[in-house]
Amino acid sequence: MVGQQAEVERLGTSLNSLYLPLKTSDLLLIEYRKWLDKFGTSLPFYQGYSTRKLPQKELENNQQPAPLDRLRRHTQICGSCNRAYQVTNRLKTTFVAVAIALAALAIVTDGSGTELLAILGSGSAVVIATVAHKVKTHFERSYTRH
């Protein structure tokens, strides 16, 4: 499906000229695409049955359509996913800063026993930052088969 969508975008033509639908199984898809033709103008981008709308940046720069990645196709548009993406990005940055600060604290202190706590805290902050990074990349990466 992703390969077909990329081919449709590469050709830059409407679906009704490229697509031979099956009346039995593709009726819902055809009606949805026709609905997008009527009401899709309020969306940031869409691919209707006879019309389509590219994202504004692509129209201004006259570029190829955006690659099929989650960040541009969903995360930046979906409010809840965008908030989660921003939170995980802030968490990652915050915990990297905490890890650096605790590592610096472990270096500066001498023999008072706080070094071990600072090193453990720094390691924990690195682990949390790594987990936040993995969650963040879930919102960015391209659609791939597993």
N, C-alpha and C. Protein backbone atom coordinates (compact mmCIF):
# COMPACT_ATOMS: atom_id res chain seq x y z
N MET A 1 0.81 -1.18 0.00
CA MET A 1 0.00 0.00 0.00
C MET A 1 0.87 1.26 0.00
N VAL A 2 1.93 1.25 0.79
CA VAL A 2 2.82 2.40 0.86
C VAL A 2 3.49 2.60 -0.50
N GLY A 3 3.91 1.53 -1.14
CA GLY A 3 4.53 1.62 -2.46
C GLY A 3 3.57 2.15 -3.50
N GLN A 4 2.31 1.72 -3.42
CA GLN A 4 1.30 2.22 -4.35
C GLN A 4 1.06 3.71 -4.15
N GLN A 5 0.98 4.14 -2.90
CA GLN A 5 0.78 5.56 -2.61
C GLN A 5 1.95 6.39 -3.14
N ALA A 6 3.17 5.91 -2.95
CA ALA A 6 4.34 6.62 -3.46
C ALA A 6 4.30 6.73 -4.97
N GLU A 7 3.85 5.67 -5.64
CA GLU A 7 3.75 5.68 -7.10
C GLU A 7 2.69 6.67 -7.57
N VAL A 8 1.55 6.71 -6.90
CA VAL A 8 0.49 7.66 -7.24
C VAL A 8 1.01 9.09 -7.06
N GLU A 9 1.71 9.35 -5.97
CA GLU A 9 2.26 10.69 -5.74
C GLU A 9 3.33 11.03 -6.75
N ARG A 10 4.14 10.05 -7.13
CA ARG A 10 5.19 10.30 -8.12
C ARG A 10 4.59 10.67 -9.48
N LEU A 11 3.53 9.97 -9.86
CA LEU A 11 2.90 10.24 -11.15
C LEU A 11 2.13 11.57 -11.14
N GLY A 12 1.64 11.98 -9.98
CA GLY A 12 0.96 13.26 -9.85
C GLY A 12 -0.37 13.35 -10.57
N THR A 13 -1.04 12.26 -10.73
CA THR A 13 -2.34 12.26 -11.41
C THR A 13 -3.42 11.78 -10.45
N SER A 14 -4.67 11.85 -10.87
CA SER A 14 -5.77 11.47 -10.00
C SER A 14 -5.91 9.96 -9.92
N LEU A 15 -6.54 9.52 -8.86
CA LEU A 15 -6.73 8.07 -8.67
C LEU A 15 -7.68 7.48 -9.71
N ASN A 16 -8.69 8.24 -10.11
CA ASN A 16 -9.66 7.66 -11.04
C ASN A 16 -9.05 7.36 -12.41
N SER A 17 -7.93 7.99 -12.76
CA SER A 17 -7.28 7.67 -14.03
C SER A 17 -6.28 6.51 -13.89
N LEU A 18 -5.86 6.21 -12.65
CA LEU A 18 -4.88 5.15 -12.42
C LEU A 18 -5.49 3.88 -11.87
N TYR A 19 -6.64 3.98 -11.26
CA TYR A 19 -7.16 2.93 -10.40
C TYR A 19 -8.38 2.28 -11.04
N LEU A 20 -8.37 0.98 -11.14
CA LEU A 20 -9.52 0.23 -11.62
C LEU A 20 -10.14 -0.46 -10.42
N PRO A 21 -11.16 0.16 -9.82
CA PRO A 21 -11.73 -0.40 -8.60
C PRO A 21 -12.61 -1.61 -8.87
N LEU A 22 -12.69 -2.46 -7.90
CA LEU A 22 -13.61 -3.59 -7.94
C LEU A 22 -14.90 -3.15 -7.25
N LYS A 23 -16.02 -3.28 -7.92
CA LYS A 23 -17.29 -2.82 -7.37
C LYS A 23 -17.64 -3.53 -6.07
N THR A 24 -17.18 -4.77 -5.93
CA THR A 24 -17.57 -5.54 -4.75
C THR A 24 -16.77 -5.18 -3.51
N SER A 25 -15.48 -4.90 -3.65
CA SER A 25 -14.66 -4.70 -2.46
C SER A 25 -14.16 -3.28 -2.27
N ASP A 26 -14.19 -2.46 -3.29
CA ASP A 26 -13.61 -1.13 -3.19
C ASP A 26 -14.64 -0.01 -3.11
N LEU A 27 -15.89 -0.34 -2.93
CA LEU A 27 -16.95 0.66 -2.91
C LEU A 27 -16.76 1.67 -1.78
N LEU A 28 -16.41 1.19 -0.59
CA LEU A 28 -16.20 2.09 0.54
C LEU A 28 -15.02 3.03 0.28
N LEU A 29 -13.95 2.51 -0.27
CA LEU A 29 -12.79 3.33 -0.60
C LEU A 29 -13.14 4.40 -1.63
N ILE A 30 -13.87 4.02 -2.65
CA ILE A 30 -14.25 4.98 -3.69
C ILE A 30 -15.12 6.09 -3.10
N GLU A 31 -16.09 5.71 -2.28
CA GLU A 31 -16.97 6.72 -1.68
C GLU A 31 -16.20 7.64 -0.73
N TYR A 32 -15.26 7.08 0.01
CA TYR A 32 -14.42 7.91 0.89
C TYR A 32 -13.61 8.90 0.07
N ARG A 33 -12.99 8.45 -1.01
CA ARG A 33 -12.19 9.34 -1.86
C ARG A 33 -13.06 10.41 -2.50
N LYS A 34 -14.30 10.06 -2.90
CA LYS A 34 -15.22 11.05 -3.46
C LYS A 34 -15.64 12.05 -2.39
N TRP A 35 -15.79 11.58 -1.16
CA TRP A 35 -16.11 12.48 -0.05
C TRP A 35 -14.96 13.47 0.15
N LEU A 36 -13.71 12.96 0.05
CA LEU A 36 -12.55 13.85 0.16
C LEU A 36 -12.54 14.88 -0.97
N ASP A 37 -12.98 14.49 -2.17
CA ASP A 37 -13.07 15.45 -3.26
C ASP A 37 -13.99 16.61 -2.89
N LYS A 38 -15.09 16.32 -2.20
CA LYS A 38 -16.06 17.36 -1.83
C LYS A 38 -15.62 18.17 -0.62
N PHE A 39 -15.10 17.49 0.41
CA PHE A 39 -14.89 18.14 1.69
C PHE A 39 -13.42 18.20 2.13
N GLY A 40 -12.50 17.78 1.30
CA GLY A 40 -11.10 17.71 1.69
C GLY A 40 -10.36 19.02 1.70
N THR A 41 -10.97 20.07 1.20
CA THR A 41 -10.26 21.34 1.12
C THR A 41 -9.87 21.89 2.47
N SER A 42 -10.55 21.50 3.53
CA SER A 42 -10.20 21.99 4.87
C SER A 42 -9.05 21.19 5.48
N LEU A 43 -8.67 20.09 4.88
CA LEU A 43 -7.58 19.27 5.39
C LEU A 43 -6.24 19.82 4.91
N PRO A 44 -5.15 19.57 5.66
CA PRO A 44 -3.84 20.07 5.22
C PRO A 44 -3.37 19.42 3.91
N PHE A 45 -3.74 18.18 3.68
CA PHE A 45 -3.49 17.50 2.41
C PHE A 45 -4.43 16.31 2.31
N TYR A 46 -4.71 15.88 1.11
CA TYR A 46 -5.56 14.70 0.92
C TYR A 46 -5.36 14.17 -0.49
N GLN A 47 -5.79 12.96 -0.72
CA GLN A 47 -5.81 12.34 -2.04
C GLN A 47 -7.22 11.86 -2.27
N GLY A 48 -7.99 12.61 -3.02
CA GLY A 48 -9.36 12.23 -3.33
C GLY A 48 -9.39 11.28 -4.52
N TYR A 49 -10.59 11.10 -5.06
CA TYR A 49 -10.73 10.22 -6.21
C TYR A 49 -10.35 10.94 -7.50
N SER A 50 -10.74 12.21 -7.64
CA SER A 50 -10.36 12.96 -8.83
C SER A 50 -9.51 14.18 -8.54
N THR A 51 -9.40 14.57 -7.28
CA THR A 51 -8.59 15.73 -6.92
C THR A 51 -7.64 15.36 -5.79
N ARG A 52 -6.71 16.26 -5.53
CA ARG A 52 -5.79 16.06 -4.41
C ARG A 52 -5.27 17.42 -3.98
N LYS A 53 -4.79 17.48 -2.76
CA LYS A 53 -4.24 18.72 -2.22
C LYS A 53 -2.92 18.37 -1.55
N LEU A 54 -1.87 19.03 -1.99
CA LEU A 54 -0.55 18.82 -1.41
C LEU A 54 -0.39 19.70 -0.18
N PRO A 55 0.50 19.33 0.74
CA PRO A 55 0.79 20.23 1.85
C PRO A 55 1.26 21.59 1.34
N GLN A 56 0.98 22.64 2.07
CA GLN A 56 1.26 24.01 1.62
C GLN A 56 2.74 24.22 1.30
N LYS A 57 3.63 23.64 2.11
CA LYS A 57 5.07 23.80 1.85
C LYS A 57 5.45 23.25 0.49
N GLU A 58 4.87 22.11 0.11
CA GLU A 58 5.20 21.50 -1.17
C GLU A 58 4.68 22.35 -2.33
N LEU A 59 3.50 22.97 -2.14
CA LEU A 59 2.97 23.81 -3.19
C LEU A 59 3.83 25.05 -3.39
N GLU A 60 4.30 25.65 -2.29
CA GLU A 60 5.11 26.85 -2.37
C GLU A 60 6.46 26.57 -2.99
N ASN A 61 7.08 25.46 -2.62
CA ASN A 61 8.42 25.14 -3.10
C ASN A 61 8.41 24.33 -4.39
N ASN A 62 7.21 23.91 -4.83
CA ASN A 62 7.06 23.09 -6.03
C ASN A 62 7.93 21.83 -5.94
N GLN A 63 7.87 21.16 -4.80
CA GLN A 63 8.67 19.97 -4.55
C GLN A 63 7.86 18.72 -4.80
N GLN A 64 8.55 17.60 -4.72
CA GLN A 64 7.89 16.31 -4.74
C GLN A 64 7.08 16.16 -3.46
N PRO A 65 6.05 15.31 -3.45
CA PRO A 65 5.30 15.09 -2.21
C PRO A 65 6.20 14.58 -1.10
N ALA A 66 5.81 14.89 0.14
CA ALA A 66 6.61 14.50 1.30
C ALA A 66 6.74 12.99 1.38
N PRO A 67 7.88 12.50 1.86
CA PRO A 67 8.02 11.06 2.02
C PRO A 67 7.02 10.53 3.04
N LEU A 68 6.78 9.24 2.97
CA LEU A 68 5.79 8.63 3.85
C LEU A 68 6.41 8.36 5.21
N ASP A 69 6.50 9.36 6.03
CA ASP A 69 6.96 9.15 7.39
C ASP A 69 5.88 9.61 8.35
N ARG A 70 5.90 9.01 9.52
CA ARG A 70 4.88 9.30 10.50
C ARG A 70 4.87 10.74 10.96
N LEU A 71 6.05 11.33 11.06
CA LEU A 71 6.13 12.68 11.59
C LEU A 71 5.32 13.66 10.74
N ARG A 72 5.51 13.65 9.44
CA ARG A 72 4.79 14.60 8.57
C ARG A 72 3.38 14.15 8.25
N ARG A 73 3.17 12.85 8.14
CA ARG A 73 1.86 12.35 7.72
C ARG A 73 0.86 12.21 8.85
N HIS A 74 1.35 12.14 10.09
CA HIS A 74 0.40 11.96 11.18
C HIS A 74 0.76 12.78 12.41
N THR A 75 1.95 12.64 12.94
CA THR A 75 2.31 13.21 14.24
C THR A 75 2.12 14.72 14.28
N GLN A 76 2.54 15.43 13.25
CA GLN A 76 2.41 16.89 13.25
C GLN A 76 0.97 17.34 13.12
N ILE A 77 0.09 16.49 12.62
CA ILE A 77 -1.30 16.85 12.41
C ILE A 77 -2.17 16.44 13.58
N CYS A 78 -1.94 15.26 14.12
CA CYS A 78 -2.74 14.71 15.22
C CYS A 78 -2.36 15.40 16.53
N GLY A 79 -3.32 16.02 17.18
CA GLY A 79 -3.05 16.78 18.40
C GLY A 79 -2.46 15.95 19.52
N SER A 80 -3.05 14.78 19.78
CA SER A 80 -2.56 13.97 20.90
C SER A 80 -1.18 13.39 20.61
N CYS A 81 -0.93 12.96 19.39
CA CYS A 81 0.39 12.43 19.04
C CYS A 81 1.44 13.54 19.04
N ASN A 82 1.06 14.73 18.59
CA ASN A 82 1.99 15.84 18.60
C ASN A 82 2.38 16.22 20.02
N ARG A 83 1.39 16.23 20.93
CA ARG A 83 1.70 16.52 22.34
C ARG A 83 2.62 15.45 22.92
N ALA A 84 2.32 14.18 22.65
CA ALA A 84 3.17 13.10 23.15
C ALA A 84 4.58 13.20 22.59
N TYR A 85 4.70 13.56 21.33
CA TYR A 85 6.01 13.74 20.70
C TYR A 85 6.78 14.86 21.38
N GLN A 86 6.12 15.98 21.63
CA GLN A 86 6.77 17.11 22.29
C GLN A 86 7.20 16.76 23.71
N VAL A 87 6.33 16.03 24.44
CA VAL A 87 6.66 15.64 25.82
C VAL A 87 7.86 14.71 25.84
N THR A 88 7.87 13.71 24.96
CA THR A 88 9.01 12.78 24.95
C THR A 88 10.29 13.49 24.53
N ASN A 89 10.18 14.46 23.64
CA ASN A 89 11.36 15.23 23.24
C ASN A 89 11.89 16.04 24.42
N ARG A 90 10.98 16.67 25.19
CA ARG A 90 11.40 17.43 26.37
C ARG A 90 11.98 16.51 27.45
N LEU A 91 11.35 15.35 27.64
CA LEU A 91 11.86 14.40 28.63
C LEU A 91 13.28 13.97 28.28
N LYS A 92 13.49 13.66 27.03
CA LYS A 92 14.83 13.24 26.59
C LYS A 92 15.85 14.33 26.88
N THR A 93 15.54 15.55 26.48
CA THR A 93 16.46 16.67 26.69
C THR A 93 16.71 16.90 28.18
N THR A 94 15.64 16.86 28.96
CA THR A 94 15.76 17.10 30.41
C THR A 94 16.62 16.04 31.07
N PHE A 95 16.38 14.78 30.76
CA PHE A 95 17.13 13.72 31.41
C PHE A 95 18.58 13.63 30.93
N VAL A 96 18.86 14.06 29.72
CA VAL A 96 20.26 14.16 29.29
C VAL A 96 20.96 15.24 30.12
N ALA A 97 20.27 16.38 30.32
CA ALA A 97 20.85 17.45 31.14
C ALA A 97 21.04 16.99 32.59
N VAL A 98 20.07 16.25 33.13
CA VAL A 98 20.19 15.73 34.50
C VAL A 98 21.37 14.77 34.59
N ALA A 99 21.52 13.91 33.59
CA ALA A 99 22.63 12.95 33.60
C ALA A 99 23.98 13.67 33.59
N ILE A 100 24.09 14.71 32.78
CA ILE A 100 25.34 15.48 32.73
C ILE A 100 25.60 16.17 34.06
N ALA A 101 24.54 16.77 34.64
CA ALA A 101 24.71 17.47 35.91
C ALA A 101 25.11 16.51 37.02
N LEU A 102 24.50 15.32 37.07
CA LEU A 102 24.84 14.35 38.10
C LEU A 102 26.24 13.78 37.89
N ALA A 103 26.64 13.60 36.64
CA ALA A 103 28.00 13.14 36.36
C ALA A 103 29.01 14.20 36.80
N ALA A 104 28.70 15.47 36.56
CA ALA A 104 29.58 16.55 37.01
C ALA A 104 29.64 16.60 38.53
N LEU A 105 28.50 16.36 39.18
CA LEU A 105 28.46 16.33 40.64
C LEU A 105 29.33 15.19 41.18
N ALA A 106 29.29 14.03 40.52
CA ALA A 106 30.10 12.89 40.94
C ALA A 106 31.59 13.21 40.80
N ILE A 107 31.95 13.98 39.79
CA ILE A 107 33.36 14.34 39.59
C ILE A 107 33.82 15.36 40.63
N VAL A 108 32.95 16.31 40.93
CA VAL A 108 33.32 17.40 41.83
C VAL A 108 33.41 16.94 43.28
N THR A 109 32.49 16.09 43.72
CA THR A 109 32.51 15.66 45.12
C THR A 109 33.67 14.71 45.36
N ASP A 110 34.23 14.77 46.56
CA ASP A 110 35.36 13.90 46.83
C ASP A 110 35.15 13.15 48.14
N GLY A 111 34.86 11.86 47.98
CA GLY A 111 34.81 10.94 49.10
C GLY A 111 33.68 11.10 50.09
N SER A 112 32.67 11.85 49.79
CA SER A 112 31.61 12.05 50.78
C SER A 112 30.48 11.04 50.64
N GLY A 113 30.56 10.13 49.73
CA GLY A 113 29.52 9.11 49.55
C GLY A 113 28.44 9.52 48.58
N THR A 114 28.41 10.77 48.23
CA THR A 114 27.41 11.21 47.25
C THR A 114 27.81 10.86 45.82
N GLU A 115 29.08 10.50 45.65
CA GLU A 115 29.53 10.13 44.31
C GLU A 115 28.75 8.94 43.77
N LEU A 116 28.58 7.91 44.62
CA LEU A 116 27.87 6.72 44.20
C LEU A 116 26.42 7.05 43.84
N LEU A 117 25.78 7.85 44.67
CA LEU A 117 24.40 8.25 44.38
C LEU A 117 24.32 9.07 43.09
N ALA A 118 25.28 9.97 42.90
CA ALA A 118 25.29 10.79 41.69
C ALA A 118 25.52 9.93 40.44
N ILE A 119 26.42 8.94 40.56
CA ILE A 119 26.68 8.05 39.42
C ILE A 119 25.46 7.20 39.11
N LEU A 120 24.82 6.66 40.14
CA LEU A 120 23.60 5.87 39.93
C LEU A 120 22.48 6.73 39.34
N GLY A 121 22.34 7.94 39.87
CA GLY A 121 21.33 8.86 39.33
C GLY A 121 21.61 9.24 37.89
N SER A 122 22.88 9.46 37.58
CA SER A 122 23.26 9.80 36.21
C SER A 122 22.97 8.63 35.27
N GLY A 123 23.30 7.43 35.70
CA GLY A 123 23.00 6.24 34.88
C GLY A 123 21.51 6.05 34.67
N SER A 124 20.74 6.28 35.75
CA SER A 124 19.27 6.17 35.62
C SER A 124 18.72 7.22 34.67
N ALA A 125 19.25 8.43 34.74
CA ALA A 125 18.80 9.49 33.83
C ALA A 125 19.14 9.15 32.39
N VAL A 126 20.29 8.53 32.16
CA VAL A 126 20.65 8.11 30.81
C VAL A 126 19.67 7.05 30.30
N VAL A 127 19.32 6.10 31.16
CA VAL A 127 18.36 5.06 30.76
C VAL A 127 17.01 5.68 30.42
N ILE A 128 16.53 6.59 31.25
CA ILE A 128 15.24 7.23 30.99
C ILE A 128 15.30 8.06 29.70
N ALA A 129 16.41 8.76 29.47
CA ALA A 129 16.57 9.53 28.23
C ALA A 129 16.58 8.61 27.01
N THR A 130 17.19 7.44 27.14
CA THR A 130 17.21 6.47 26.04
C THR A 130 15.81 5.95 25.74
N VAL A 131 15.05 5.65 26.78
CA VAL A 131 13.67 5.19 26.59
C VAL A 131 12.84 6.29 25.93
N ALA A 132 12.99 7.52 26.40
CA ALA A 132 12.25 8.65 25.80
C ALA A 132 12.64 8.81 24.33
N HIS A 133 13.91 8.62 24.01
CA HIS A 133 14.35 8.72 22.61
C HIS A 133 13.70 7.63 21.76
N LYS A 134 13.63 6.41 22.28
CA LYS A 134 13.00 5.32 21.53
C LYS A 134 11.52 5.60 21.29
N VAL A 135 10.82 6.13 22.30
CA VAL A 135 9.41 6.47 22.13
C VAL A 135 9.27 7.61 21.11
N LYS A 136 10.16 8.58 21.19
CA LYS A 136 10.12 9.72 20.27
C LYS A 136 10.32 9.27 18.82
N THR A 137 11.24 8.35 18.59
CA THR A 137 11.47 7.88 17.22
C THR A 137 10.29 7.07 16.69
N HIS A 138 9.47 6.53 17.59
CA HIS A 138 8.27 5.84 17.14
C HIS A 138 7.34 6.80 16.41
N PHE A 139 7.34 8.06 16.80
CA PHE A 139 6.50 9.06 16.16
C PHE A 139 7.12 9.62 14.88
N GLU A 140 8.39 9.34 14.63
CA GLU A 140 9.10 9.92 13.49
C GLU A 140 9.33 8.95 12.35
N ARG A 141 9.59 7.72 12.63
CA ARG A 141 10.14 6.81 11.64
C ARG A 141 9.17 6.52 10.51
N SER A 142 9.72 6.08 9.41
CA SER A 142 8.93 5.75 8.23
C SER A 142 8.15 4.48 8.46
N TYR A 143 7.11 4.32 7.69
CA TYR A 143 6.35 3.09 7.74
C TYR A 143 7.16 2.01 7.07
N THR A 144 7.42 0.93 7.78
CA THR A 144 8.19 -0.16 7.23
C THR A 144 7.53 -1.48 7.58
N ARG A 145 7.83 -2.47 6.79
CA ARG A 145 7.34 -3.81 7.11
C ARG A 145 8.26 -4.45 8.13
N HIS A 146 7.67 -5.24 9.01
CA HIS A 146 8.47 -5.95 10.02
C HIS A 146 8.36 -7.42 9.79
